[in-house]
Amino acid sequence: MGRVYMHLTYDQRLAIKQMLERGNSKKEIAESIGVHTSTIYREIDRGTVNGHYDPTAAEEAYQEKLAEKGPTAVLEENPELAN
């Protein structure tokens, strides 16, 4: 059986921010949330704005990437077919 991939929730992103503000290490944050330490590092990179982690910015970046996933719609590729 392969790996199971899960996306961070907004609540988990809020928890990351709170733990960072309290001075917890990345490893402690990862263990608390139940993800790999590298996930925390990537998440912090993704959500850092002006030198501070912003869970809202991270969530927006995640939603933008999510919207880009999947195949291009047939009608979008071929407008003549839509007519």
N, C-alpha and C. Protein backbone atom coordinates (compact mmCIF):
# COMPACT_ATOMS: atom_id res chain seq x y z
N MET A 1 0.84 -1.17 0.00
CA MET A 1 0.00 0.00 0.00
C MET A 1 0.89 1.24 0.00
N GLY A 2 0.53 2.25 -0.77
CA GLY A 2 1.33 3.46 -0.90
C GLY A 2 1.12 4.44 0.24
N ARG A 3 1.79 5.53 0.11
CA ARG A 3 1.67 6.58 1.13
C ARG A 3 0.32 7.27 1.04
N VAL A 4 -0.11 7.78 2.17
CA VAL A 4 -1.35 8.54 2.23
C VAL A 4 -0.97 10.00 2.45
N TYR A 5 -1.33 10.85 1.51
CA TYR A 5 -1.00 12.26 1.60
C TYR A 5 -2.20 13.04 2.10
N MET A 6 -1.96 13.92 3.04
CA MET A 6 -3.04 14.74 3.59
C MET A 6 -2.59 16.20 3.53
N HIS A 7 -3.53 17.08 3.32
CA HIS A 7 -3.24 18.51 3.28
C HIS A 7 -3.48 19.10 4.66
N LEU A 8 -2.74 20.13 4.99
CA LEU A 8 -2.95 20.81 6.26
C LEU A 8 -4.27 21.56 6.22
N THR A 9 -4.94 21.58 7.35
CA THR A 9 -6.17 22.34 7.46
C THR A 9 -5.84 23.75 7.96
N TYR A 10 -6.81 24.63 7.85
CA TYR A 10 -6.60 26.00 8.33
C TYR A 10 -6.36 25.99 9.84
N ASP A 11 -7.05 25.12 10.57
CA ASP A 11 -6.84 25.02 12.01
C ASP A 11 -5.41 24.58 12.34
N GLN A 12 -4.86 23.67 11.54
CA GLN A 12 -3.47 23.26 11.75
C GLN A 12 -2.52 24.42 11.47
N ARG A 13 -2.85 25.23 10.45
CA ARG A 13 -2.01 26.40 10.15
C ARG A 13 -2.06 27.40 11.30
N LEU A 14 -3.22 27.57 11.90
CA LEU A 14 -3.34 28.46 13.06
C LEU A 14 -2.52 27.92 14.24
N ALA A 15 -2.54 26.60 14.42
CA ALA A 15 -1.75 25.98 15.49
C ALA A 15 -0.26 26.20 15.26
N ILE A 16 0.17 26.11 14.00
CA ILE A 16 1.58 26.36 13.68
C ILE A 16 1.96 27.77 14.09
N LYS A 17 1.10 28.74 13.75
CA LYS A 17 1.39 30.14 14.10
C LYS A 17 1.50 30.31 15.61
N GLN A 18 0.55 29.75 16.35
CA GLN A 18 0.57 29.88 17.80
C GLN A 18 1.82 29.26 18.41
N MET A 19 2.21 28.09 17.91
CA MET A 19 3.39 27.42 18.45
C MET A 19 4.66 28.17 18.10
N LEU A 20 4.72 28.73 16.90
CA LEU A 20 5.88 29.53 16.52
C LEU A 20 6.01 30.74 17.44
N GLU A 21 4.88 31.37 17.74
CA GLU A 21 4.89 32.54 18.63
C GLU A 21 5.33 32.18 20.04
N ARG A 22 5.01 30.95 20.47
CA ARG A 22 5.43 30.49 21.79
C ARG A 22 6.87 30.03 21.82
N GLY A 23 7.48 29.91 20.64
CA GLY A 23 8.88 29.51 20.59
C GLY A 23 9.12 28.02 20.47
N ASN A 24 8.08 27.26 20.13
CA ASN A 24 8.26 25.83 19.94
C ASN A 24 9.16 25.57 18.73
N SER A 25 9.89 24.46 18.78
CA SER A 25 10.75 24.09 17.65
C SER A 25 9.89 23.51 16.54
N LYS A 26 10.48 23.47 15.34
CA LYS A 26 9.76 22.90 14.18
C LYS A 26 9.43 21.43 14.44
N LYS A 27 10.36 20.73 15.09
CA LYS A 27 10.14 19.32 15.40
C LYS A 27 8.97 19.15 16.37
N GLU A 28 8.90 19.99 17.39
CA GLU A 28 7.78 19.92 18.35
C GLU A 28 6.45 20.21 17.66
N ILE A 29 6.46 21.19 16.77
CA ILE A 29 5.24 21.53 16.04
C ILE A 29 4.80 20.35 15.19
N ALA A 30 5.74 19.75 14.47
CA ALA A 30 5.43 18.60 13.61
C ALA A 30 4.85 17.45 14.41
N GLU A 31 5.46 17.15 15.54
CA GLU A 31 4.96 16.05 16.38
C GLU A 31 3.57 16.35 16.92
N SER A 32 3.33 17.59 17.28
CA SER A 32 2.03 17.99 17.82
C SER A 32 0.92 17.86 16.78
N ILE A 33 1.24 18.24 15.55
CA ILE A 33 0.23 18.22 14.48
C ILE A 33 0.14 16.84 13.83
N GLY A 34 1.20 16.07 13.93
CA GLY A 34 1.19 14.72 13.36
C GLY A 34 1.66 14.68 11.92
N VAL A 35 2.62 15.54 11.59
CA VAL A 35 3.18 15.55 10.24
C VAL A 35 4.70 15.48 10.34
N HIS A 36 5.36 15.32 9.20
CA HIS A 36 6.81 15.27 9.16
C HIS A 36 7.38 16.67 9.35
N THR A 37 8.56 16.74 9.91
CA THR A 37 9.21 18.03 10.16
C THR A 37 9.37 18.83 8.88
N SER A 38 9.68 18.17 7.76
CA SER A 38 9.86 18.88 6.50
C SER A 38 8.56 19.55 6.05
N THR A 39 7.43 18.99 6.42
CA THR A 39 6.14 19.61 6.09
C THR A 39 6.03 20.98 6.77
N ILE A 40 6.48 21.06 7.99
CA ILE A 40 6.43 22.31 8.74
C ILE A 40 7.34 23.35 8.09
N TYR A 41 8.55 22.94 7.72
CA TYR A 41 9.47 23.87 7.06
C TYR A 41 8.88 24.38 5.75
N ARG A 42 8.31 23.49 4.95
CA ARG A 42 7.70 23.92 3.67
C ARG A 42 6.50 24.84 3.92
N GLU A 43 5.71 24.52 4.91
CA GLU A 43 4.54 25.33 5.22
C GLU A 43 4.95 26.73 5.67
N ILE A 44 5.97 26.81 6.48
CA ILE A 44 6.44 28.12 6.94
C ILE A 44 6.98 28.92 5.77
N ASP A 45 7.72 28.27 4.87
CA ASP A 45 8.21 28.96 3.67
C ASP A 45 7.05 29.48 2.83
N ARG A 46 6.04 28.65 2.67
CA ARG A 46 4.88 29.01 1.84
C ARG A 46 4.10 30.18 2.44
N GLY A 47 4.02 30.23 3.75
CA GLY A 47 3.15 31.21 4.39
C GLY A 47 3.84 32.38 5.04
N THR A 48 5.13 32.56 4.77
CA THR A 48 5.84 33.68 5.39
C THR A 48 5.63 34.95 4.58
N VAL A 49 5.15 35.98 5.26
CA VAL A 49 4.93 37.29 4.66
C VAL A 49 5.62 38.31 5.54
N ASN A 50 6.50 39.10 4.95
CA ASN A 50 7.26 40.12 5.70
C ASN A 50 7.97 39.55 6.91
N GLY A 51 8.51 38.35 6.76
CA GLY A 51 9.30 37.75 7.82
C GLY A 51 8.51 37.05 8.91
N HIS A 52 7.18 36.98 8.79
CA HIS A 52 6.35 36.32 9.80
C HIS A 52 5.41 35.34 9.13
N TYR A 53 5.17 34.21 9.79
CA TYR A 53 4.26 33.20 9.26
C TYR A 53 2.83 33.72 9.37
N ASP A 54 2.11 33.67 8.25
CA ASP A 54 0.72 34.12 8.20
C ASP A 54 -0.14 32.96 7.70
N PRO A 55 -0.93 32.33 8.59
CA PRO A 55 -1.72 31.18 8.18
C PRO A 55 -2.76 31.52 7.10
N THR A 56 -3.25 32.74 7.08
CA THR A 56 -4.22 33.14 6.06
C THR A 56 -3.56 33.19 4.69
N ALA A 57 -2.36 33.74 4.62
CA ALA A 57 -1.62 33.78 3.35
C ALA A 57 -1.28 32.37 2.89
N ALA A 58 -0.92 31.50 3.82
CA ALA A 58 -0.60 30.11 3.47
C ALA A 58 -1.84 29.40 2.94
N GLU A 59 -2.98 29.64 3.56
CA GLU A 59 -4.24 29.02 3.11
C GLU A 59 -4.61 29.53 1.72
N GLU A 60 -4.44 30.82 1.48
CA GLU A 60 -4.75 31.38 0.16
C GLU A 60 -3.84 30.78 -0.91
N ALA A 61 -2.55 30.63 -0.60
CA ALA A 61 -1.62 30.02 -1.55
C ALA A 61 -2.02 28.58 -1.83
N TYR A 62 -2.42 27.87 -0.80
CA TYR A 62 -2.88 26.48 -0.96
C TYR A 62 -4.12 26.43 -1.86
N GLN A 63 -5.08 27.29 -1.61
CA GLN A 63 -6.31 27.30 -2.40
C GLN A 63 -6.04 27.64 -3.87
N GLU A 64 -5.11 28.56 -4.11
CA GLU A 64 -4.75 28.91 -5.49
C GLU A 64 -4.14 27.71 -6.21
N LYS A 65 -3.23 27.02 -5.55
CA LYS A 65 -2.61 25.83 -6.14
C LYS A 65 -3.65 24.75 -6.37
N LEU A 66 -4.58 24.60 -5.45
CA LEU A 66 -5.61 23.59 -5.56
C LEU A 66 -6.50 23.87 -6.77
N ALA A 67 -6.79 25.13 -7.02
CA ALA A 67 -7.64 25.50 -8.15
C ALA A 67 -6.95 25.22 -9.48
N GLU A 68 -5.63 25.22 -9.50
CA GLU A 68 -4.87 24.97 -10.73
C GLU A 68 -4.77 23.49 -11.07
N LYS A 69 -5.12 22.62 -10.14
CA LYS A 69 -4.98 21.18 -10.35
C LYS A 69 -6.05 20.67 -11.30
N GLY A 70 -5.77 19.55 -11.89
CA GLY A 70 -6.73 18.87 -12.73
C GLY A 70 -6.56 19.21 -14.19
N PRO A 71 -7.24 18.46 -15.03
CA PRO A 71 -7.12 18.70 -16.47
C PRO A 71 -7.84 19.99 -16.88
N THR A 72 -7.41 20.54 -18.00
CA THR A 72 -8.06 21.72 -18.55
C THR A 72 -9.41 21.29 -19.12
N ALA A 73 -10.43 22.09 -18.91
CA ALA A 73 -11.76 21.79 -19.42
C ALA A 73 -11.75 21.73 -20.94
N VAL A 74 -12.48 20.78 -21.51
CA VAL A 74 -12.52 20.59 -22.96
C VAL A 74 -13.01 21.86 -23.65
N LEU A 75 -14.03 22.48 -23.10
CA LEU A 75 -14.58 23.68 -23.73
C LEU A 75 -13.63 24.86 -23.62
N GLU A 76 -12.79 24.86 -22.60
CA GLU A 76 -11.80 25.92 -22.46
C GLU A 76 -10.70 25.76 -23.50
N GLU A 77 -10.35 24.51 -23.80
CA GLU A 77 -9.32 24.25 -24.81
C GLU A 77 -9.83 24.50 -26.23
N ASN A 78 -11.12 24.28 -26.45
CA ASN A 78 -11.68 24.37 -27.79
C ASN A 78 -12.95 25.22 -27.76
N PRO A 79 -12.84 26.56 -27.87
CA PRO A 79 -14.02 27.42 -27.82
C PRO A 79 -15.01 27.17 -28.96
N GLU A 80 -14.52 26.67 -30.09
CA GLU A 80 -15.41 26.38 -31.22
C GLU A 80 -16.40 25.29 -30.85
N LEU A 81 -15.95 24.34 -30.05
CA LEU A 81 -16.82 23.25 -29.62
C LEU A 81 -17.92 23.79 -28.70
N ALA A 82 -17.62 24.82 -27.94
CA ALA A 82 -18.60 25.40 -27.04
C ALA A 82 -19.75 26.05 -27.81
N ASN A 83 -19.43 26.59 -28.98
CA ASN A 83 -20.47 27.23 -29.81
C ASN A 83 -21.29 26.18 -30.46
